[in-house]
N, C-alpha and C. Protein backbone atom coordinates (compact mmCIF):
# COMPACT_ATOMS: atom_id res chain seq x y z
N VAL A 1 70.04 107.22 98.17
CA VAL A 1 70.83 106.17 98.81
C VAL A 1 71.57 105.42 97.72
N THR A 2 72.87 105.27 97.89
CA THR A 2 73.67 104.46 96.97
C THR A 2 74.35 103.38 97.78
N LEU A 3 74.06 102.14 97.46
CA LEU A 3 74.70 101.00 98.13
C LEU A 3 75.93 100.63 97.32
N VAL A 4 77.10 100.80 97.92
CA VAL A 4 78.35 100.49 97.24
C VAL A 4 79.03 99.36 97.99
N ASP A 5 79.14 98.24 97.34
CA ASP A 5 79.81 97.08 97.93
C ASP A 5 80.47 96.34 96.78
N PRO A 6 81.80 96.24 96.80
CA PRO A 6 82.48 95.59 95.68
C PRO A 6 82.24 94.08 95.62
N GLY A 7 81.72 93.53 96.68
CA GLY A 7 81.49 92.09 96.73
C GLY A 7 80.10 91.73 96.26
N ARG A 8 79.68 90.58 96.64
CA ARG A 8 78.39 90.05 96.22
C ARG A 8 77.27 90.64 97.07
N ASP A 9 76.07 90.66 96.52
CA ASP A 9 74.88 91.10 97.26
C ASP A 9 74.38 89.90 98.06
N PHE A 10 74.72 89.86 99.34
CA PHE A 10 74.38 88.72 100.17
C PHE A 10 72.88 88.56 100.38
N SER A 11 72.10 89.60 100.10
CA SER A 11 70.65 89.45 100.25
C SER A 11 70.07 88.55 99.16
N LYS A 12 70.84 88.29 98.10
CA LYS A 12 70.38 87.44 97.00
C LYS A 12 71.00 86.04 97.01
N VAL A 13 71.84 85.74 98.01
CA VAL A 13 72.49 84.44 98.10
C VAL A 13 71.53 83.46 98.75
N LYS A 14 71.35 82.30 98.15
CA LYS A 14 70.40 81.30 98.66
C LYS A 14 70.86 80.66 99.97
N ASP A 15 72.15 80.30 100.06
CA ASP A 15 72.65 79.62 101.26
C ASP A 15 73.93 80.31 101.74
N LEU A 16 73.76 81.24 102.67
CA LEU A 16 74.90 82.00 103.17
C LEU A 16 75.89 81.14 103.94
N SER A 17 75.44 79.99 104.43
CA SER A 17 76.33 79.14 105.23
C SER A 17 77.45 78.54 104.38
N THR A 18 77.33 78.60 103.06
CA THR A 18 78.37 78.03 102.20
C THR A 18 79.47 79.05 101.88
N HIS A 19 79.35 80.27 102.37
CA HIS A 19 80.33 81.32 102.11
C HIS A 19 81.19 81.58 103.35
N ARG A 20 82.46 81.79 103.12
CA ARG A 20 83.38 82.06 104.22
C ARG A 20 82.93 83.31 104.98
N SER A 21 82.97 83.24 106.28
CA SER A 21 82.52 84.35 107.09
C SER A 21 83.11 84.25 108.49
N TRP A 22 82.67 85.10 109.38
CA TRP A 22 83.09 85.09 110.77
C TRP A 22 81.95 85.67 111.61
N MET A 23 81.99 85.36 112.87
CA MET A 23 80.97 85.85 113.79
C MET A 23 81.41 87.21 114.32
N ILE A 24 80.46 88.10 114.50
CA ILE A 24 80.75 89.39 115.10
C ILE A 24 79.81 89.59 116.28
N GLY A 25 80.31 90.29 117.26
CA GLY A 25 79.50 90.62 118.41
C GLY A 25 79.11 92.09 118.36
N LEU A 26 77.86 92.37 118.61
CA LEU A 26 77.39 93.74 118.70
C LEU A 26 77.07 94.04 120.15
N ALA A 27 77.55 95.16 120.62
CA ALA A 27 77.25 95.59 121.98
C ALA A 27 76.23 96.73 121.90
N THR A 28 75.99 97.34 123.02
CA THR A 28 74.94 98.35 123.14
C THR A 28 75.04 99.44 122.08
N HIS A 29 76.22 99.98 121.87
CA HIS A 29 76.34 101.10 120.93
C HIS A 29 76.07 100.67 119.49
N GLY A 30 76.54 99.50 119.10
CA GLY A 30 76.26 99.00 117.75
C GLY A 30 74.79 98.71 117.54
N ILE A 31 74.18 98.09 118.54
CA ILE A 31 72.75 97.77 118.44
C ILE A 31 71.92 99.05 118.40
N SER A 32 72.25 100.02 119.25
CA SER A 32 71.47 101.27 119.27
C SER A 32 71.65 102.03 117.95
N SER A 33 72.82 101.92 117.32
CA SER A 33 73.02 102.58 116.02
C SER A 33 72.13 101.96 114.96
N LEU A 34 72.03 100.63 114.95
CA LEU A 34 71.14 99.97 114.00
C LEU A 34 69.68 100.33 114.26
N ARG A 35 69.32 100.50 115.52
CA ARG A 35 67.94 100.85 115.87
C ARG A 35 67.58 102.29 115.49
N GLU A 36 68.58 103.13 115.30
CA GLU A 36 68.31 104.52 114.93
C GLU A 36 67.73 104.64 113.51
N VAL A 37 67.93 103.62 112.69
CA VAL A 37 67.36 103.60 111.35
C VAL A 37 66.03 102.86 111.45
N ASP A 38 64.94 103.58 111.26
CA ASP A 38 63.60 102.99 111.43
C ASP A 38 63.45 101.70 110.62
N GLY A 39 63.17 100.61 111.32
CA GLY A 39 62.89 99.33 110.69
C GLY A 39 64.08 98.42 110.46
N LEU A 40 65.30 98.95 110.52
CA LEU A 40 66.49 98.14 110.23
C LEU A 40 66.70 97.04 111.26
N TRP A 41 66.54 97.35 112.54
CA TRP A 41 66.79 96.35 113.58
C TRP A 41 65.85 95.15 113.42
N ASP A 42 64.63 95.37 112.91
CA ASP A 42 63.69 94.26 112.69
C ASP A 42 64.29 93.21 111.75
N TYR A 43 65.07 93.64 110.78
CA TYR A 43 65.73 92.72 109.85
C TYR A 43 66.91 92.02 110.51
N VAL A 44 67.73 92.79 111.23
CA VAL A 44 68.98 92.25 111.79
C VAL A 44 68.71 91.30 112.95
N GLU A 45 67.76 91.61 113.81
CA GLU A 45 67.56 90.78 115.00
C GLU A 45 67.08 89.37 114.68
N LYS A 46 66.56 89.16 113.47
CA LYS A 46 66.09 87.82 113.07
C LYS A 46 67.24 86.87 112.75
N VAL A 47 68.46 87.40 112.53
CA VAL A 47 69.55 86.55 112.05
C VAL A 47 70.66 86.34 113.08
N GLY A 48 70.44 86.78 114.31
CA GLY A 48 71.47 86.63 115.35
C GLY A 48 70.91 86.06 116.63
N VAL A 49 71.76 86.07 117.64
CA VAL A 49 71.41 85.51 118.94
C VAL A 49 71.66 86.57 120.01
N LYS A 50 70.67 86.83 120.82
CA LYS A 50 70.83 87.77 121.93
C LYS A 50 71.74 87.13 122.99
N LEU A 51 72.66 87.91 123.53
CA LEU A 51 73.60 87.41 124.54
C LEU A 51 73.33 88.05 125.89
N ASP A 52 73.48 87.25 126.94
CA ASP A 52 73.44 87.79 128.30
C ASP A 52 74.85 88.06 128.80
N SER A 53 75.81 87.29 128.27
CA SER A 53 77.21 87.51 128.63
C SER A 53 78.10 86.88 127.57
N PHE A 54 79.34 87.34 127.53
CA PHE A 54 80.31 86.73 126.62
C PHE A 54 81.70 86.94 127.18
N SER A 55 82.61 86.09 126.75
CA SER A 55 84.00 86.15 127.20
C SER A 55 84.93 86.06 126.00
N ILE A 56 86.03 86.76 126.10
CA ILE A 56 87.12 86.65 125.13
C ILE A 56 88.34 86.23 125.94
N PHE A 57 89.04 85.21 125.46
CA PHE A 57 90.23 84.74 126.15
C PHE A 57 91.47 85.13 125.37
N LEU A 58 92.41 85.76 126.05
CA LEU A 58 93.73 86.05 125.51
C LEU A 58 94.70 85.20 126.32
N GLY A 59 94.99 84.02 125.79
CA GLY A 59 95.76 83.05 126.57
C GLY A 59 94.92 82.61 127.75
N GLN A 60 95.45 82.75 128.95
CA GLN A 60 94.73 82.39 130.17
C GLN A 60 93.83 83.52 130.68
N LYS A 61 94.01 84.72 130.16
CA LYS A 61 93.26 85.88 130.67
C LYS A 61 91.88 85.95 130.03
N GLU A 62 90.86 86.00 130.86
CA GLU A 62 89.49 86.10 130.40
C GLU A 62 89.01 87.55 130.54
N MET A 63 88.44 88.05 129.46
CA MET A 63 87.79 89.36 129.51
C MET A 63 86.30 89.09 129.32
N LYS A 64 85.51 89.38 130.34
CA LYS A 64 84.10 89.01 130.33
C LYS A 64 83.23 90.24 130.46
N GLN A 65 82.11 90.23 129.75
CA GLN A 65 81.12 91.29 129.88
C GLN A 65 79.74 90.66 129.96
N THR A 66 78.91 91.22 130.79
CA THR A 66 77.53 90.77 130.89
C THR A 66 76.61 91.95 130.65
N THR A 67 75.35 91.67 130.39
CA THR A 67 74.41 92.75 130.15
C THR A 67 74.07 93.51 131.42
N ASP A 68 74.38 92.96 132.57
CA ASP A 68 74.15 93.70 133.81
C ASP A 68 75.45 94.24 134.39
N ASP A 69 76.51 94.24 133.59
CA ASP A 69 77.81 94.73 134.01
C ASP A 69 77.76 96.24 134.17
N ALA A 70 78.21 96.74 135.30
CA ALA A 70 78.19 98.19 135.56
C ALA A 70 79.48 98.86 135.13
N ALA A 71 80.27 98.20 134.29
CA ALA A 71 81.57 98.74 133.88
C ALA A 71 81.44 100.00 133.03
N ILE A 72 80.33 100.13 132.32
CA ILE A 72 80.15 101.33 131.50
C ILE A 72 79.46 102.39 132.34
N PRO A 73 80.09 103.54 132.49
CA PRO A 73 79.47 104.60 133.31
C PRO A 73 78.14 105.05 132.70
N GLU A 74 77.21 105.39 133.56
CA GLU A 74 75.90 105.84 133.07
C GLU A 74 76.02 107.05 132.18
N THR A 75 77.03 107.89 132.40
CA THR A 75 77.22 109.09 131.58
C THR A 75 77.58 108.73 130.14
N ALA A 76 78.07 107.51 129.90
CA ALA A 76 78.44 107.09 128.55
C ALA A 76 77.25 106.47 127.80
N MET A 77 76.17 106.25 128.50
CA MET A 77 74.99 105.62 127.90
C MET A 77 73.96 106.69 127.56
N LYS A 78 73.26 106.49 126.44
CA LYS A 78 72.17 107.39 126.10
C LYS A 78 71.03 107.17 127.07
N GLU A 79 70.22 108.19 127.24
CA GLU A 79 69.09 108.09 128.15
C GLU A 79 68.17 106.95 127.76
N GLY A 80 67.80 106.13 128.73
CA GLY A 80 66.91 105.01 128.49
C GLY A 80 67.57 103.78 127.90
N MET A 81 68.88 103.83 127.66
CA MET A 81 69.60 102.70 127.06
C MET A 81 70.05 101.75 128.15
N SER A 82 69.95 100.47 127.89
CA SER A 82 70.50 99.47 128.80
C SER A 82 71.49 98.63 128.01
N GLN A 83 72.38 97.95 128.71
CA GLN A 83 73.40 97.17 128.03
C GLN A 83 72.79 95.97 127.34
N GLU A 84 73.30 95.69 126.14
CA GLU A 84 72.82 94.57 125.35
C GLU A 84 74.00 93.90 124.67
N GLY A 85 73.78 92.66 124.26
CA GLY A 85 74.77 91.94 123.48
C GLY A 85 74.08 91.11 122.43
N PHE A 86 74.76 90.94 121.29
CA PHE A 86 74.14 90.24 120.16
C PHE A 86 75.26 89.60 119.36
N LEU A 87 75.11 88.35 118.99
CA LEU A 87 76.10 87.62 118.19
C LEU A 87 75.48 87.28 116.85
N VAL A 88 76.21 87.58 115.77
CA VAL A 88 75.66 87.36 114.44
C VAL A 88 76.78 87.05 113.46
N ASP A 89 76.48 86.23 112.47
CA ASP A 89 77.42 85.96 111.39
C ASP A 89 77.47 87.20 110.51
N ARG A 90 78.65 87.62 110.16
CA ARG A 90 78.86 88.85 109.38
C ARG A 90 78.06 88.82 108.08
N ASN A 91 78.06 87.71 107.37
CA ASN A 91 77.34 87.63 106.10
C ASN A 91 75.83 87.82 106.30
N TYR A 92 75.31 87.30 107.40
CA TYR A 92 73.88 87.40 107.64
C TYR A 92 73.46 88.82 108.00
N VAL A 93 74.31 89.53 108.75
CA VAL A 93 73.95 90.91 109.09
C VAL A 93 74.07 91.80 107.85
N VAL A 94 75.07 91.56 107.00
CA VAL A 94 75.20 92.32 105.76
C VAL A 94 74.01 92.02 104.85
N ALA A 95 73.59 90.76 104.76
CA ALA A 95 72.43 90.40 103.95
C ALA A 95 71.16 91.07 104.47
N ALA A 96 71.00 91.10 105.79
CA ALA A 96 69.81 91.73 106.39
C ALA A 96 69.79 93.23 106.08
N GLU A 97 70.96 93.87 106.17
CA GLU A 97 71.03 95.30 105.87
C GLU A 97 70.73 95.56 104.38
N ALA A 98 71.29 94.73 103.50
CA ALA A 98 71.04 94.89 102.07
C ALA A 98 69.57 94.63 101.74
N GLN A 99 68.98 93.63 102.38
CA GLN A 99 67.57 93.33 102.16
C GLN A 99 66.69 94.50 102.61
N PHE A 100 67.03 95.07 103.77
CA PHE A 100 66.31 96.24 104.28
C PHE A 100 66.38 97.39 103.27
N LEU A 101 67.58 97.67 102.76
CA LEU A 101 67.73 98.76 101.79
C LEU A 101 66.92 98.50 100.53
N GLY A 102 66.99 97.27 100.02
CA GLY A 102 66.22 96.93 98.83
C GLY A 102 64.72 97.04 99.04
N ASP A 103 64.25 96.51 100.18
CA ASP A 103 62.82 96.55 100.49
C ASP A 103 62.33 97.98 100.72
N THR A 104 63.17 98.79 101.36
CA THR A 104 62.78 100.15 101.73
C THR A 104 62.93 101.14 100.59
N PHE A 105 64.02 101.02 99.83
CA PHE A 105 64.32 102.01 98.81
C PHE A 105 64.34 101.45 97.39
N GLY A 106 64.01 100.18 97.22
CA GLY A 106 64.13 99.53 95.92
C GLY A 106 63.36 100.20 94.79
N ASN A 107 62.22 100.81 95.08
CA ASN A 107 61.42 101.47 94.04
C ASN A 107 61.74 102.96 93.92
N ASP A 108 62.63 103.46 94.74
CA ASP A 108 63.01 104.87 94.70
C ASP A 108 64.02 105.07 93.57
N PRO A 109 63.76 106.00 92.65
CA PRO A 109 64.68 106.23 91.54
C PRO A 109 66.07 106.70 91.99
N ASN A 110 66.18 107.18 93.23
CA ASN A 110 67.47 107.64 93.74
C ASN A 110 68.29 106.51 94.36
N TYR A 111 67.71 105.32 94.50
CA TYR A 111 68.42 104.16 95.05
C TYR A 111 69.15 103.49 93.92
N LYS A 112 70.48 103.39 94.07
CA LYS A 112 71.32 102.81 93.00
C LYS A 112 72.28 101.80 93.59
N PRO A 113 71.87 100.54 93.70
CA PRO A 113 72.85 99.54 94.16
C PRO A 113 73.90 99.32 93.06
N LYS A 114 75.15 99.22 93.48
CA LYS A 114 76.23 99.01 92.49
C LYS A 114 76.91 97.70 92.74
């Protein structure tokens, strides 16, 4: 595993709230991708907020999604998957992922953070 990030290692920053960032929303597919890596979701879920619904406004037009929204066809969902939503600060999710990598692979001679 090689961690390549030209920026700072956010897992070592004491106060992430002092760094410029933005909020990101994770939906079912993003969350399920993080869960496919054993143990990674345990790190990420501690730094965000589970959502039951969210809206994006483009002028007066509201685009809304809820976790019980049937807009996604069942054929597009993996077996046993249900809709989910999660809101997290980008710096915090990057820090959680970097912390997971360090904790999991830090003693492995093949792990080379750059």
